[in-house]
Amino acid sequence: MKIKEYPTHRLVKSEDLNHHGTLYAGRSAEWFVESGFVSASSLINPRNIICFKIHGMCFSSPVKPGECICYTSKIVYTGKSSLIAYIKVTRVSNPDSTIVDGFISFVHVDDNTKPRAHGITIEPETEEDIRLNKEAAELRR
């Protein structure tokens, strides 16, 4: 299966800010996980997905109120029951500059929340996707 990207856009409003007047990391983490979940649920029934681990969510610059940002997620690695999403956040006004990025592991589970094989394999084709696939594979070690 080819890797597909899923963009989600957000407007940063006053209720999304911290005491410094910039995007609150907790709100960004919520949107980060939601974005990864969107890509995972494109492959598996959402009722059978749990978020297992956020592998870093590194900010490179603050986000101010009124800015529009884009969370782009894609599944870059699949294990027997796991899926690892890569999420990159950019400003809509400057899509070439990454604000935040990182990985999230999701697990496919049965109705009793026990890991269950999903049978999905992905085929990274671009240089970037091959690199991200290797990075994600290292996270499992």
C-alpha atoms as a PDB file:
ATOM      1  CA  MET A   1       0.000   0.000   0.000  1.00  0.00           C
ATOM      2  CA  LYS A   2       1.289   3.462  -0.898  1.00  0.00           C
ATOM      3  CA  ILE A   3       1.820   6.076   1.785  1.00  0.00           C
ATOM      4  CA  LYS A   4      -0.856   8.776   1.774  1.00  0.00           C
ATOM      5  CA  GLU A   5      -0.800  12.143   3.548  1.00  0.00           C
ATOM      6  CA  TYR A   6      -3.731  13.537   5.540  1.00  0.00           C
ATOM      7  CA  PRO A   7      -3.693  17.313   6.189  1.00  0.00           C
ATOM      8  CA  THR A   8      -5.694  18.929   9.003  1.00  0.00           C
ATOM      9  CA  HIS A   9      -5.828  22.721   9.284  1.00  0.00           C
ATOM     10  CA  ARG A  10      -6.246  24.675  12.528  1.00  0.00           C
ATOM     11  CA  LEU A  11      -6.747  28.342  13.371  1.00  0.00           C
ATOM     12  CA  VAL A  12      -4.968  29.252  16.616  1.00  0.00           C
ATOM     13  CA  LYS A  13      -7.484  31.105  18.803  1.00  0.00           C
ATOM     14  CA  SER A  14      -7.239  32.759  22.220  1.00  0.00           C
ATOM     15  CA  GLU A  15      -8.473  29.606  24.017  1.00  0.00           C
ATOM     16  CA  ASP A  16      -5.520  27.688  22.490  1.00  0.00           C
ATOM     17  CA  LEU A  17      -2.855  29.900  24.111  1.00  0.00           C
ATOM     18  CA  ASN A  18      -0.595  29.472  27.118  1.00  0.00           C
ATOM     19  CA  HIS A  19       0.449  32.142  29.624  1.00  0.00           C
ATOM     20  CA  HIS A  20       3.096  33.392  27.146  1.00  0.00           C
ATOM     21  CA  GLY A  21       0.434  34.149  24.523  1.00  0.00           C
ATOM     22  CA  THR A  22       1.572  31.373  22.185  1.00  0.00           C
ATOM     23  CA  LEU A  23       0.075  28.002  21.262  1.00  0.00           C
ATOM     24  CA  TYR A  24      -0.226  25.847  24.387  1.00  0.00           C
ATOM     25  CA  ALA A  25       1.797  22.637  23.995  1.00  0.00           C
ATOM     26  CA  GLY A  26      -1.069  20.602  25.471  1.00  0.00           C
ATOM     27  CA  ARG A  27      -3.475  21.838  22.788  1.00  0.00           C
ATOM     28  CA  SER A  28      -0.877  21.155  20.119  1.00  0.00           C
ATOM     29  CA  ALA A  29      -0.384  17.633  21.524  1.00  0.00           C
ATOM     30  CA  GLU A  30      -4.152  17.040  21.313  1.00  0.00           C
ATOM     31  CA  TRP A  31      -4.205  18.130  17.662  1.00  0.00           C
ATOM     32  CA  PHE A  32      -0.995  16.156  17.004  1.00  0.00           C
ATOM     33  CA  VAL A  33      -2.563  12.903  18.248  1.00  0.00           C
ATOM     34  CA  GLU A  34      -5.823  13.602  16.399  1.00  0.00           C
ATOM     35  CA  SER A  35      -3.876  14.109  13.186  1.00  0.00           C
ATOM     36  CA  GLY A  36      -2.024  10.820  13.601  1.00  0.00           C
ATOM     37  CA  PHE A  37      -5.292   9.090  14.445  1.00  0.00           C
ATOM     38  CA  VAL A  38      -6.824  10.334  11.179  1.00  0.00           C
ATOM     39  CA  SER A  39      -4.114   8.595   9.149  1.00  0.00           C
ATOM     40  CA  ALA A  40      -4.354   5.397  11.240  1.00  0.00           C
ATOM     41  CA  SER A  41      -8.146   5.321  10.940  1.00  0.00           C
ATOM     42  CA  SER A  42      -7.852   5.574   7.164  1.00  0.00           C
ATOM     43  CA  LEU A  43      -6.413   2.039   7.274  1.00  0.00           C
ATOM     44  CA  ILE A  44      -8.166   0.459  10.281  1.00  0.00           C
ATOM     45  CA  ASN A  45     -11.578   0.780  11.928  1.00  0.00           C
ATOM     46  CA  PRO A  46     -11.176   3.638  14.467  1.00  0.00           C
ATOM     47  CA  ARG A  47     -12.885   1.564  17.182  1.00  0.00           C
ATOM     48  CA  ASN A  48      -9.925  -0.824  17.045  1.00  0.00           C
ATOM     49  CA  ILE A  49      -7.106   1.721  17.398  1.00  0.00           C
ATOM     50  CA  ILE A  50      -5.376   2.868  20.565  1.00  0.00           C
ATOM     51  CA  CYS A  51      -2.630   5.453  20.899  1.00  0.00           C
ATOM     52  CA  PHE A  52       0.355   3.699  22.441  1.00  0.00           C
ATOM     53  CA  LYS A  53       3.132   6.288  22.518  1.00  0.00           C
ATOM     54  CA  ILE A  54       4.111   9.754  21.341  1.00  0.00           C
ATOM     55  CA  HIS A  55       7.760   9.568  20.249  1.00  0.00           C
ATOM     56  CA  GLY A  56       8.745  13.174  20.574  1.00  0.00           C
ATOM     57  CA  MET A  57       6.935  16.303  19.597  1.00  0.00           C
ATOM     58  CA  CYS A  58       9.713  18.804  19.092  1.00  0.00           C
ATOM     59  CA  PHE A  59       8.861  22.503  18.653  1.00  0.00           C
ATOM     60  CA  SER A  60      11.219  24.648  16.583  1.00  0.00           C
ATOM     61  CA  SER A  61       9.301  27.938  16.917  1.00  0.00           C
ATOM     62  CA  PRO A  62       6.282  29.385  18.762  1.00  0.00           C
ATOM     63  CA  VAL A  63       2.863  29.794  17.139  1.00  0.00           C
ATOM     64  CA  LYS A  64       0.981  33.058  17.659  1.00  0.00           C
ATOM     65  CA  PRO A  65      -2.766  33.702  17.859  1.00  0.00           C
ATOM     66  CA  GLY A  66      -4.435  34.121  14.484  1.00  0.00           C
ATOM     67  CA  GLU A  67      -1.972  31.880  12.689  1.00  0.00           C
ATOM     68  CA  CYS A  68      -3.291  29.034  10.558  1.00  0.00           C
ATOM     69  CA  ILE A  69      -1.298  25.830  10.877  1.00  0.00           C
ATOM     70  CA  CYS A  70      -1.435  22.500   9.092  1.00  0.00           C
ATOM     71  CA  TYR A  71      -0.901  19.096  10.722  1.00  0.00           C
ATOM     72  CA  THR A  72       0.065  16.603   8.014  1.00  0.00           C
ATOM     73  CA  SER A  73       0.111  12.947   9.035  1.00  0.00           C
ATOM     74  CA  LYS A  74       0.988   9.731   7.276  1.00  0.00           C
ATOM     75  CA  ILE A  75       1.560   6.140   8.310  1.00  0.00           C
ATOM     76  CA  VAL A  76       5.246   5.473   7.641  1.00  0.00           C
ATOM     77  CA  TYR A  77       5.707   2.085   9.324  1.00  0.00           C
ATOM     78  CA  THR A  78       3.583  -0.985   9.969  1.00  0.00           C
ATOM     79  CA  GLY A  79       4.365  -3.863  12.297  1.00  0.00           C
ATOM     80  CA  LYS A  80       2.237  -6.930  13.032  1.00  0.00           C
ATOM     81  CA  SER A  81      -0.335  -5.001  15.088  1.00  0.00           C
ATOM     82  CA  SER A  82       1.256  -1.542  15.170  1.00  0.00           C
ATOM     83  CA  LEU A  83       1.148   1.506  12.941  1.00  0.00           C
ATOM     84  CA  ILE A  84       3.540   4.430  13.295  1.00  0.00           C
ATOM     85  CA  ALA A  85       2.443   7.833  12.043  1.00  0.00           C
ATOM     86  CA  TYR A  86       4.730  10.737  11.251  1.00  0.00           C
ATOM     87  CA  ILE A  87       3.186  14.142  11.866  1.00  0.00           C
ATOM     88  CA  LYS A  88       4.605  17.433  10.635  1.00  0.00           C
ATOM     89  CA  VAL A  89       3.174  20.845  11.511  1.00  0.00           C
ATOM     90  CA  THR A  90       3.713  23.883   9.294  1.00  0.00           C
ATOM     91  CA  ARG A  91       2.307  27.376   8.951  1.00  0.00           C
ATOM     92  CA  VAL A  92      -0.155  27.691   6.083  1.00  0.00           C
ATOM     93  CA  SER A  93       1.690  30.926   5.215  1.00  0.00           C
ATOM     94  CA  ASN A  94       5.068  29.109   5.118  1.00  0.00           C
ATOM     95  CA  PRO A  95       4.611  25.385   4.375  1.00  0.00           C
ATOM     96  CA  ASP A  96       8.352  24.811   3.876  1.00  0.00           C
ATOM     97  CA  SER A  97       9.185  25.589   7.515  1.00  0.00           C
ATOM     98  CA  THR A  98       8.413  22.881  10.088  1.00  0.00           C
ATOM     99  CA  ILE A  99       7.088  24.097  13.462  1.00  0.00           C
ATOM    100  CA  VAL A 100       6.673  20.698  15.136  1.00  0.00           C
ATOM    101  CA  ASP A 101       7.218  17.118  14.073  1.00  0.00           C
ATOM    102  CA  GLY A 102       7.377  13.653  15.562  1.00  0.00           C
ATOM    103  CA  PHE A 103       6.010  10.124  15.536  1.00  0.00           C
ATOM    104  CA  ILE A 104       3.117   8.344  17.243  1.00  0.00           C
ATOM    105  CA  SER A 105       2.669   4.582  17.659  1.00  0.00           C
ATOM    106  CA  PHE A 106      -0.848   3.212  17.400  1.00  0.00           C
ATOM    107  CA  VAL A 107      -1.889  -0.392  18.049  1.00  0.00           C
ATOM    108  CA  HIS A 108      -4.670  -2.329  16.358  1.00  0.00           C
ATOM    109  CA  VAL A 109      -6.678  -4.104  19.064  1.00  0.00           C
ATOM    110  CA  ASP A 110      -9.608  -6.504  19.372  1.00  0.00           C
ATOM    111  CA  ASP A 111     -12.779  -5.791  21.351  1.00  0.00           C
ATOM    112  CA  ASN A 112     -10.930  -6.684  24.586  1.00  0.00           C
ATOM    113  CA  THR A 113      -8.115  -4.206  23.786  1.00  0.00           C
ATOM    114  CA  LYS A 114      -5.623  -7.008  23.093  1.00  0.00           C
ATOM    115  CA  PRO A 115      -3.224  -6.420  20.158  1.00  0.00           C
ATOM    116  CA  ARG A 116      -4.482  -7.982  16.952  1.00  0.00           C
ATOM    117  CA  ALA A 117      -2.687  -8.358  13.607  1.00  0.00           C
ATOM    118  CA  HIS A 118      -3.922  -5.917  10.977  1.00  0.00           C
ATOM    119  CA  GLY A 119      -2.336  -7.411   7.841  1.00  0.00           C
ATOM    120  CA  ILE A 120      -1.344  -4.011   6.437  1.00  0.00           C
ATOM    121  CA  THR A 121       1.973  -3.327   4.739  1.00  0.00           C
ATOM    122  CA  ILE A 122       3.129  -0.012   3.344  1.00  0.00           C
ATOM    123  CA  GLU A 123       5.555   0.709   0.527  1.00  0.00           C
ATOM    124  CA  PRO A 124       7.653   3.829   1.059  1.00  0.00           C
ATOM    125  CA  GLU A 125       8.594   5.210  -2.360  1.00  0.00           C
ATOM    126  CA  THR A 126      10.053   8.687  -1.916  1.00  0.00           C
ATOM    127  CA  GLU A 127      13.423   9.404  -0.306  1.00  0.00           C
ATOM    128  CA  GLU A 128      11.660  11.141   2.566  1.00  0.00           C
ATOM    129  CA  ASP A 129       9.265   8.236   3.171  1.00  0.00           C
ATOM    130  CA  ILE A 130      12.112   5.703   3.063  1.00  0.00           C
ATOM    131  CA  ARG A 131      14.027   7.786   5.638  1.00  0.00           C
ATOM    132  CA  LEU A 132      10.945   8.169   7.865  1.00  0.00           C
ATOM    133  CA  ASN A 133      10.228   4.425   7.598  1.00  0.00           C
ATOM    134  CA  LYS A 134      13.756   3.667   8.847  1.00  0.00           C
ATOM    135  CA  GLU A 135      13.456   6.199  11.692  1.00  0.00           C
ATOM    136  CA  ALA A 136      10.100   4.729  12.719  1.00  0.00           C
ATOM    137  CA  ALA A 137      11.512   1.184  12.650  1.00  0.00           C
ATOM    138  CA  GLU A 138      14.251   2.308  15.062  1.00  0.00           C
ATOM    139  CA  LEU A 139      11.620   3.590  17.506  1.00  0.00           C
ATOM    140  CA  ARG A 140      10.441   0.008  18.012  1.00  0.00           C
ATOM    141  CA  ARG A 141      13.853  -1.108  19.307  1.00  0.00           C
END
